[in-house]
Amino acid sequence: MPLNPAQMKQVADKVNIPLAAGERIYWRWGYRPFLENGSLSVIQPDICTCGGITEVKKICDMAHVYDKTVQIHVCGGPISTAVALHMETVIPNFVIHELHRYALLEPNTQTCKYNYLPKNGMYEVPELPGIGQELTEETMKKSPTITVK
């Protein structure tokens, strides 16, 4: 059902709560029918699976035209969290940041130098260069190295 706009519209018409979906929609054209039929109140694009920063920004801008809000789907570790925090600062229709349990698992938190977590219910956006995140030396040593010639 989440990928069927007509069925989602049927549900939306029969419930009195806002519906959120979209973590399995992989590009802006997949969101279009949901935005056009008004079935979703909150879209949830995943930066890691739907085309990266540029495509997600386009998706969020399109949702803004339809007066829909955005909650970036963050089902990863510290890199996806840092990218999402930056993305959320430039989305006027941003509503809430997702803190997934994967972001709290020690094997994930140890892959990077910084662990961005909320303090008193709020996040601070990284102000370091790039996305504000770096892999640890240990992570880089464990990662495969491929040389392309």
N, C-alpha and C. Protein backbone atom coordinates (compact mmCIF):
# COMPACT_ATOMS: atom_id res chain seq x y z
N MET A 1 0.80 -1.21 0.00
CA MET A 1 0.00 0.00 0.00
C MET A 1 0.84 1.28 0.00
N PRO A 2 1.97 1.38 0.68
CA PRO A 2 2.68 2.66 0.71
C PRO A 2 3.07 3.19 -0.66
N LEU A 3 3.23 2.31 -1.65
CA LEU A 3 3.62 2.78 -2.97
C LEU A 3 2.44 2.90 -3.92
N ASN A 4 1.23 2.81 -3.41
CA ASN A 4 0.04 2.91 -4.23
C ASN A 4 -0.72 4.18 -3.86
N PRO A 5 -0.59 5.22 -4.68
CA PRO A 5 -1.23 6.50 -4.35
C PRO A 5 -2.75 6.42 -4.19
N ALA A 6 -3.41 5.61 -5.02
CA ALA A 6 -4.87 5.51 -4.93
C ALA A 6 -5.30 4.87 -3.60
N GLN A 7 -4.61 3.82 -3.19
CA GLN A 7 -4.94 3.18 -1.92
C GLN A 7 -4.61 4.10 -0.74
N MET A 8 -3.50 4.82 -0.84
CA MET A 8 -3.14 5.75 0.23
C MET A 8 -4.20 6.84 0.35
N LYS A 9 -4.73 7.28 -0.77
CA LYS A 9 -5.79 8.30 -0.77
C LYS A 9 -7.05 7.76 -0.09
N GLN A 10 -7.38 6.49 -0.34
CA GLN A 10 -8.54 5.88 0.31
C GLN A 10 -8.37 5.87 1.83
N VAL A 11 -7.18 5.54 2.28
CA VAL A 11 -6.90 5.55 3.72
C VAL A 11 -6.99 6.98 4.26
N ALA A 12 -6.35 7.91 3.57
CA ALA A 12 -6.33 9.31 4.02
C ALA A 12 -7.74 9.87 4.15
N ASP A 13 -8.62 9.47 3.26
CA ASP A 13 -10.00 9.97 3.29
C ASP A 13 -10.82 9.39 4.44
N LYS A 14 -10.34 8.31 5.03
CA LYS A 14 -11.12 7.63 6.08
C LYS A 14 -10.54 7.77 7.48
N VAL A 15 -9.40 8.42 7.60
CA VAL A 15 -8.82 8.59 8.93
C VAL A 15 -8.70 10.08 9.25
N ASN A 16 -8.61 10.37 10.53
CA ASN A 16 -8.54 11.76 10.97
C ASN A 16 -7.16 12.07 11.56
N ILE A 17 -6.13 11.49 10.95
CA ILE A 17 -4.76 11.75 11.39
C ILE A 17 -3.90 12.02 10.15
N PRO A 18 -2.84 12.78 10.30
CA PRO A 18 -1.95 13.00 9.16
C PRO A 18 -1.19 11.71 8.83
N LEU A 19 -1.04 11.43 7.55
CA LEU A 19 -0.29 10.26 7.11
C LEU A 19 1.10 10.66 6.65
N ALA A 20 2.07 9.85 7.02
CA ALA A 20 3.46 10.07 6.61
C ALA A 20 3.97 8.81 5.94
N ALA A 21 4.68 8.97 4.84
CA ALA A 21 5.25 7.83 4.12
C ALA A 21 6.28 8.35 3.13
N GLY A 22 6.99 7.42 2.53
CA GLY A 22 7.88 7.82 1.45
C GLY A 22 9.30 7.30 1.54
N GLU A 23 9.64 6.57 2.58
CA GLU A 23 11.02 6.10 2.69
C GLU A 23 11.35 5.07 1.61
N ARG A 24 10.35 4.52 0.95
CA ARG A 24 10.58 3.56 -0.13
C ARG A 24 10.25 4.14 -1.51
N ILE A 25 10.14 5.43 -1.57
CA ILE A 25 9.97 6.11 -2.86
C ILE A 25 11.33 6.70 -3.21
N TYR A 26 11.82 6.42 -4.41
CA TYR A 26 13.23 6.65 -4.71
C TYR A 26 13.56 7.84 -5.60
N TRP A 27 12.57 8.60 -6.04
CA TRP A 27 12.87 9.82 -6.79
C TRP A 27 11.64 10.71 -6.82
N ARG A 28 11.81 11.94 -7.30
CA ARG A 28 10.72 12.92 -7.19
C ARG A 28 9.47 12.50 -7.94
N TRP A 29 9.62 11.81 -9.06
CA TRP A 29 8.43 11.43 -9.83
C TRP A 29 7.61 10.39 -9.08
N GLY A 30 8.20 9.66 -8.18
CA GLY A 30 7.45 8.73 -7.35
C GLY A 30 6.59 9.43 -6.31
N TYR A 31 7.01 10.62 -5.89
CA TYR A 31 6.24 11.40 -4.91
C TYR A 31 5.08 12.15 -5.56
N ARG A 32 5.23 12.45 -6.82
CA ARG A 32 4.27 13.33 -7.49
C ARG A 32 2.81 12.89 -7.33
N PRO A 33 2.45 11.61 -7.59
CA PRO A 33 1.03 11.24 -7.44
C PRO A 33 0.50 11.38 -6.01
N PHE A 34 1.36 11.15 -5.02
CA PHE A 34 0.93 11.31 -3.62
C PHE A 34 0.69 12.78 -3.29
N LEU A 35 1.52 13.65 -3.85
CA LEU A 35 1.35 15.08 -3.61
C LEU A 35 0.13 15.61 -4.37
N GLU A 36 -0.06 15.14 -5.59
CA GLU A 36 -1.20 15.60 -6.39
C GLU A 36 -2.53 15.16 -5.80
N ASN A 37 -2.59 13.93 -5.24
CA ASN A 37 -3.88 13.50 -4.69
C ASN A 37 -4.06 13.88 -3.22
N GLY A 38 -3.04 14.47 -2.62
CA GLY A 38 -3.16 14.97 -1.25
C GLY A 38 -3.22 13.91 -0.18
N SER A 39 -2.78 12.70 -0.49
CA SER A 39 -2.92 11.61 0.48
C SER A 39 -1.92 11.66 1.63
N LEU A 40 -0.77 12.28 1.41
CA LEU A 40 0.25 12.36 2.46
C LEU A 40 0.33 13.76 3.05
N SER A 41 0.43 13.83 4.35
CA SER A 41 0.66 15.12 5.02
C SER A 41 2.15 15.37 5.20
N VAL A 42 2.89 14.29 5.42
CA VAL A 42 4.34 14.37 5.65
C VAL A 42 5.02 13.38 4.71
N ILE A 43 5.97 13.89 3.93
CA ILE A 43 6.75 12.97 3.10
C ILE A 43 8.06 12.65 3.82
N GLN A 44 8.61 11.46 3.54
CA GLN A 44 9.79 10.98 4.25
C GLN A 44 10.86 10.47 3.27
N PRO A 45 11.46 11.35 2.49
CA PRO A 45 12.51 10.87 1.58
C PRO A 45 13.77 10.46 2.35
N ASP A 46 14.46 9.47 1.83
CA ASP A 46 15.71 8.99 2.43
C ASP A 46 16.86 9.43 1.54
N ILE A 47 17.73 10.28 2.04
CA ILE A 47 18.84 10.83 1.26
C ILE A 47 19.72 9.71 0.71
N CYS A 48 19.87 8.64 1.46
CA CYS A 48 20.77 7.55 1.06
C CYS A 48 20.19 6.66 -0.03
N THR A 49 18.89 6.70 -0.25
CA THR A 49 18.29 5.79 -1.24
C THR A 49 17.55 6.49 -2.37
N CYS A 50 17.37 7.78 -2.30
CA CYS A 50 16.57 8.41 -3.37
C CYS A 50 17.32 9.51 -4.12
N GLY A 51 18.57 9.27 -4.42
CA GLY A 51 19.27 10.18 -5.31
C GLY A 51 20.19 11.18 -4.66
N GLY A 52 20.35 11.13 -3.37
CA GLY A 52 21.28 12.01 -2.70
C GLY A 52 20.72 13.39 -2.39
N ILE A 53 21.62 14.28 -2.04
CA ILE A 53 21.25 15.61 -1.56
C ILE A 53 20.45 16.40 -2.59
N THR A 54 20.90 16.42 -3.83
CA THR A 54 20.23 17.23 -4.85
C THR A 54 18.81 16.75 -5.12
N GLU A 55 18.65 15.44 -5.29
CA GLU A 55 17.31 14.90 -5.57
C GLU A 55 16.38 15.10 -4.38
N VAL A 56 16.87 14.89 -3.17
CA VAL A 56 16.02 15.08 -1.98
C VAL A 56 15.60 16.54 -1.86
N LYS A 57 16.49 17.46 -2.15
CA LYS A 57 16.12 18.89 -2.10
C LYS A 57 15.02 19.18 -3.11
N LYS A 58 15.11 18.60 -4.29
CA LYS A 58 14.05 18.79 -5.30
C LYS A 58 12.73 18.21 -4.81
N ILE A 59 12.78 17.04 -4.18
CA ILE A 59 11.58 16.41 -3.64
C ILE A 59 10.95 17.30 -2.57
N CYS A 60 11.78 17.82 -1.68
CA CYS A 60 11.28 18.69 -0.60
C CYS A 60 10.69 19.98 -1.15
N ASP A 61 11.33 20.55 -2.16
CA ASP A 61 10.79 21.76 -2.79
C ASP A 61 9.44 21.48 -3.44
N MET A 62 9.32 20.32 -4.08
CA MET A 62 8.06 19.95 -4.71
C MET A 62 6.97 19.80 -3.64
N ALA A 63 7.29 19.18 -2.52
CA ALA A 63 6.33 19.03 -1.43
C ALA A 63 5.91 20.39 -0.87
N HIS A 64 6.85 21.32 -0.83
CA HIS A 64 6.56 22.67 -0.33
C HIS A 64 5.51 23.36 -1.20
N VAL A 65 5.57 23.13 -2.49
CA VAL A 65 4.57 23.70 -3.42
C VAL A 65 3.18 23.20 -3.07
N TYR A 66 3.09 21.97 -2.59
CA TYR A 66 1.80 21.37 -2.23
C TYR A 66 1.46 21.57 -0.75
N ASP A 67 2.21 22.40 -0.05
CA ASP A 67 1.99 22.66 1.38
C ASP A 67 2.07 21.40 2.23
N LYS A 68 3.01 20.53 1.89
CA LYS A 68 3.24 19.31 2.66
C LYS A 68 4.56 19.44 3.41
N THR A 69 4.64 18.79 4.55
CA THR A 69 5.85 18.89 5.36
C THR A 69 6.77 17.69 5.10
N VAL A 70 8.01 17.83 5.61
CA VAL A 70 9.06 16.83 5.35
C VAL A 70 9.70 16.37 6.65
N GLN A 71 9.88 15.08 6.75
CA GLN A 71 10.69 14.47 7.80
C GLN A 71 11.66 13.56 7.06
N ILE A 72 12.92 13.97 6.98
CA ILE A 72 13.91 13.15 6.29
C ILE A 72 14.01 11.79 6.99
N HIS A 73 13.94 10.72 6.21
CA HIS A 73 14.08 9.37 6.78
C HIS A 73 15.57 9.12 7.03
N VAL A 74 15.93 8.95 8.28
CA VAL A 74 17.33 8.76 8.67
C VAL A 74 17.45 7.40 9.34
N CYS A 75 17.65 6.37 8.54
CA CYS A 75 17.76 5.02 9.07
C CYS A 75 19.19 4.53 8.91
N GLY A 76 20.11 5.29 9.45
CA GLY A 76 21.51 4.93 9.30
C GLY A 76 22.31 5.41 10.48
N GLY A 77 23.57 5.59 10.24
CA GLY A 77 24.47 5.99 11.30
C GLY A 77 24.80 7.46 11.27
N PRO A 78 25.98 7.81 11.76
CA PRO A 78 26.36 9.21 11.94
C PRO A 78 26.54 10.00 10.65
N ILE A 79 26.86 9.34 9.55
CA ILE A 79 27.00 10.08 8.29
C ILE A 79 25.64 10.55 7.80
N SER A 80 24.67 9.63 7.74
CA SER A 80 23.35 10.03 7.27
C SER A 80 22.70 11.04 8.21
N THR A 81 22.98 10.94 9.50
CA THR A 81 22.47 11.92 10.45
C THR A 81 23.02 13.31 10.16
N ALA A 82 24.33 13.41 9.94
CA ALA A 82 24.96 14.71 9.66
C ALA A 82 24.41 15.31 8.37
N VAL A 83 24.27 14.48 7.34
CA VAL A 83 23.74 14.98 6.06
C VAL A 83 22.30 15.46 6.25
N ALA A 84 21.49 14.68 6.96
CA ALA A 84 20.09 15.06 7.18
C ALA A 84 19.99 16.37 7.96
N LEU A 85 20.81 16.54 8.98
CA LEU A 85 20.76 17.79 9.76
C LEU A 85 21.05 19.00 8.87
N HIS A 86 22.03 18.88 7.99
CA HIS A 86 22.31 19.98 7.06
C HIS A 86 21.14 20.21 6.11
N MET A 87 20.60 19.13 5.56
CA MET A 87 19.48 19.24 4.63
C MET A 87 18.29 19.92 5.31
N GLU A 88 18.02 19.56 6.54
CA GLU A 88 16.86 20.11 7.24
C GLU A 88 16.97 21.62 7.48
N THR A 89 18.17 22.15 7.48
CA THR A 89 18.33 23.60 7.68
C THR A 89 17.89 24.40 6.47
N VAL A 90 17.81 23.77 5.30
CA VAL A 90 17.44 24.50 4.08
C VAL A 90 16.07 24.11 3.55
N ILE A 91 15.32 23.38 4.35
CA ILE A 91 13.97 22.97 3.94
C ILE A 91 12.96 23.78 4.73
N PRO A 92 12.24 24.70 4.09
CA PRO A 92 11.28 25.51 4.84
C PRO A 92 10.11 24.70 5.40
N ASN A 93 9.83 23.54 4.81
CA ASN A 93 8.71 22.72 5.25
C ASN A 93 9.16 21.54 6.12
N PHE A 94 10.37 21.63 6.67
CA PHE A 94 10.88 20.61 7.60
C PHE A 94 10.03 20.62 8.87
N VAL A 95 9.70 19.41 9.37
CA VAL A 95 8.85 19.34 10.55
C VAL A 95 9.51 18.66 11.75
N ILE A 96 10.28 17.58 11.54
CA ILE A 96 10.89 16.87 12.66
C ILE A 96 12.04 16.00 12.15
N HIS A 97 13.06 15.84 13.01
CA HIS A 97 14.20 14.98 12.66
C HIS A 97 13.98 13.59 13.24
N GLU A 98 14.22 12.58 12.44
CA GLU A 98 14.08 11.20 12.90
C GLU A 98 15.36 10.73 13.59
N LEU A 99 15.20 10.19 14.78
CA LEU A 99 16.32 9.55 15.48
C LEU A 99 16.01 8.05 15.50
N HIS A 100 16.63 7.33 14.59
CA HIS A 100 16.41 5.89 14.47
C HIS A 100 17.34 5.15 15.43
N ARG A 101 16.91 4.02 15.89
CA ARG A 101 17.71 3.24 16.84
C ARG A 101 19.07 2.85 16.27
N TYR A 102 19.18 2.71 14.93
CA TYR A 102 20.48 2.38 14.33
C TYR A 102 21.52 3.44 14.64
N ALA A 103 21.09 4.66 14.77
CA ALA A 103 22.03 5.75 15.07
C ALA A 103 22.59 5.63 16.48
N LEU A 104 21.98 4.82 17.30
CA LEU A 104 22.41 4.67 18.69
C LEU A 104 23.25 3.41 18.93
N LEU A 105 23.31 2.53 17.95
CA LEU A 105 24.07 1.29 18.11
C LEU A 105 25.56 1.57 18.10
N GLU A 106 26.26 1.00 19.06
CA GLU A 106 27.70 1.27 19.22
C GLU A 106 28.52 0.99 17.96
N PRO A 107 28.29 -0.11 17.24
CA PRO A 107 29.08 -0.32 16.02
C PRO A 107 28.91 0.81 15.00
N ASN A 108 27.75 1.42 14.97
CA ASN A 108 27.52 2.56 14.07
C ASN A 108 28.13 3.84 14.61
N THR A 109 27.97 4.09 15.89
CA THR A 109 28.49 5.34 16.46
C THR A 109 30.01 5.39 16.44
N GLN A 110 30.65 4.24 16.43
CA GLN A 110 32.11 4.20 16.45
C GLN A 110 32.74 4.35 15.07
N THR A 111 31.94 4.41 14.02
CA THR A 111 32.51 4.54 12.68
C THR A 111 32.97 5.95 12.37
N CYS A 112 32.44 6.92 13.09
CA CYS A 112 32.75 8.33 12.81
C CYS A 112 33.25 9.04 14.07
N LYS A 113 33.85 10.20 13.84
CA LYS A 113 34.42 10.98 14.95
C LYS A 113 33.35 11.66 15.79
N TYR A 114 32.23 12.03 15.18
CA TYR A 114 31.22 12.82 15.90
C TYR A 114 29.91 12.05 15.95
N ASN A 115 29.24 12.14 17.08
CA ASN A 115 27.97 11.48 17.27
C ASN A 115 26.93 12.54 17.61
N TYR A 116 26.17 12.95 16.61
CA TYR A 116 25.18 14.01 16.80
C TYR A 116 23.90 13.43 17.38
N LEU A 117 23.60 13.84 18.59
CA LEU A 117 22.39 13.41 19.29
C LEU A 117 21.68 14.64 19.84
N PRO A 118 20.37 14.54 20.05
CA PRO A 118 19.64 15.70 20.58
C PRO A 118 20.02 16.00 22.02
N LYS A 119 20.01 17.28 22.34
CA LYS A 119 20.20 17.74 23.72
C LYS A 119 18.97 18.56 24.07
N ASN A 120 18.27 18.16 25.12
CA ASN A 120 17.01 18.82 25.50
C ASN A 120 16.03 18.88 24.34
N GLY A 121 16.00 17.80 23.57
CA GLY A 121 15.05 17.70 22.46
C GLY A 121 15.45 18.43 21.20
N MET A 122 16.65 18.99 21.15
CA MET A 122 17.08 19.76 19.98
C MET A 122 18.43 19.25 19.49
N TYR A 123 18.63 19.36 18.18
CA TYR A 123 19.93 19.03 17.58
C TYR A 123 20.68 20.30 17.28
N GLU A 124 21.99 20.22 17.33
CA GLU A 124 22.83 21.30 16.82
C GLU A 124 23.35 20.85 15.47
N VAL A 125 23.27 21.73 14.49
CA VAL A 125 23.74 21.40 13.15
C VAL A 125 25.26 21.51 13.13
N PRO A 126 25.93 20.51 12.58
CA PRO A 126 27.39 20.56 12.51
C PRO A 126 27.89 21.80 11.75
N GLU A 127 28.91 22.43 12.28
CA GLU A 127 29.49 23.59 11.61
C GLU A 127 30.90 23.30 11.11
N LEU A 128 31.27 22.05 11.08
CA LEU A 128 32.57 21.64 10.57
C LEU A 128 32.54 21.63 9.04
N PRO A 129 33.68 21.58 8.38
CA PRO A 129 33.70 21.56 6.91
C PRO A 129 32.92 20.38 6.34
N GLY A 130 32.46 20.55 5.12
CA GLY A 130 31.70 19.50 4.44
C GLY A 130 30.39 19.22 5.14
N ILE A 131 30.12 17.95 5.37
CA ILE A 131 28.89 17.59 6.07
C ILE A 131 29.06 17.60 7.58
N GLY A 132 30.26 17.92 8.04
CA GLY A 132 30.49 17.98 9.49
C GLY A 132 30.71 16.62 10.12
N GLN A 133 31.21 15.69 9.34
CA GLN A 133 31.44 14.35 9.86
C GLN A 133 32.70 13.77 9.23
N GLU A 134 33.39 12.93 9.96
CA GLU A 134 34.60 12.26 9.46
C GLU A 134 34.61 10.82 9.92
N LEU A 135 35.09 9.93 9.06
CA LEU A 135 35.30 8.55 9.47
C LEU A 135 36.47 8.49 10.44
N THR A 136 36.43 7.56 11.37
CA THR A 136 37.56 7.38 12.27
C THR A 136 38.69 6.67 11.53
N GLU A 137 39.90 6.78 12.05
CA GLU A 137 41.05 6.09 11.46
C GLU A 137 40.80 4.58 11.44
N GLU A 138 40.23 4.07 12.52
CA GLU A 138 39.94 2.63 12.61
C GLU A 138 38.98 2.19 11.51
N THR A 139 37.96 2.98 11.25
CA THR A 139 37.00 2.66 10.20
C THR A 139 37.69 2.64 8.84
N MET A 140 38.54 3.62 8.59
CA MET A 140 39.23 3.67 7.30
C MET A 140 40.18 2.48 7.14
N LYS A 141 40.81 2.04 8.22
CA LYS A 141 41.71 0.89 8.14
C LYS A 141 40.94 -0.39 7.82
N LYS A 142 39.73 -0.51 8.36
CA LYS A 142 38.90 -1.70 8.13
C LYS A 142 38.25 -1.71 6.75
N SER A 143 38.13 -0.55 6.13
CA SER A 143 37.41 -0.44 4.86
C SER A 143 38.30 -0.88 3.70
N PRO A 144 37.69 -1.51 2.70
CA PRO A 144 38.48 -1.91 1.53
C PRO A 144 38.95 -0.68 0.75
N THR A 145 40.14 -0.79 0.21
CA THR A 145 40.69 0.29 -0.62
C THR A 145 40.76 -0.21 -2.05
N ILE A 146 40.22 0.56 -2.96
CA ILE A 146 40.22 0.19 -4.38
C ILE A 146 40.86 1.32 -5.15
N THR A 147 41.82 0.99 -5.97
CA THR A 147 42.48 1.98 -6.81
C THR A 147 41.96 1.83 -8.23
N VAL A 148 41.44 2.90 -8.78
CA VAL A 148 40.93 2.91 -10.15
C VAL A 148 41.97 3.59 -11.02
N LYS A 149 42.39 2.91 -12.07
CA LYS A 149 43.40 3.48 -12.97
C LYS A 149 42.78 3.87 -14.28
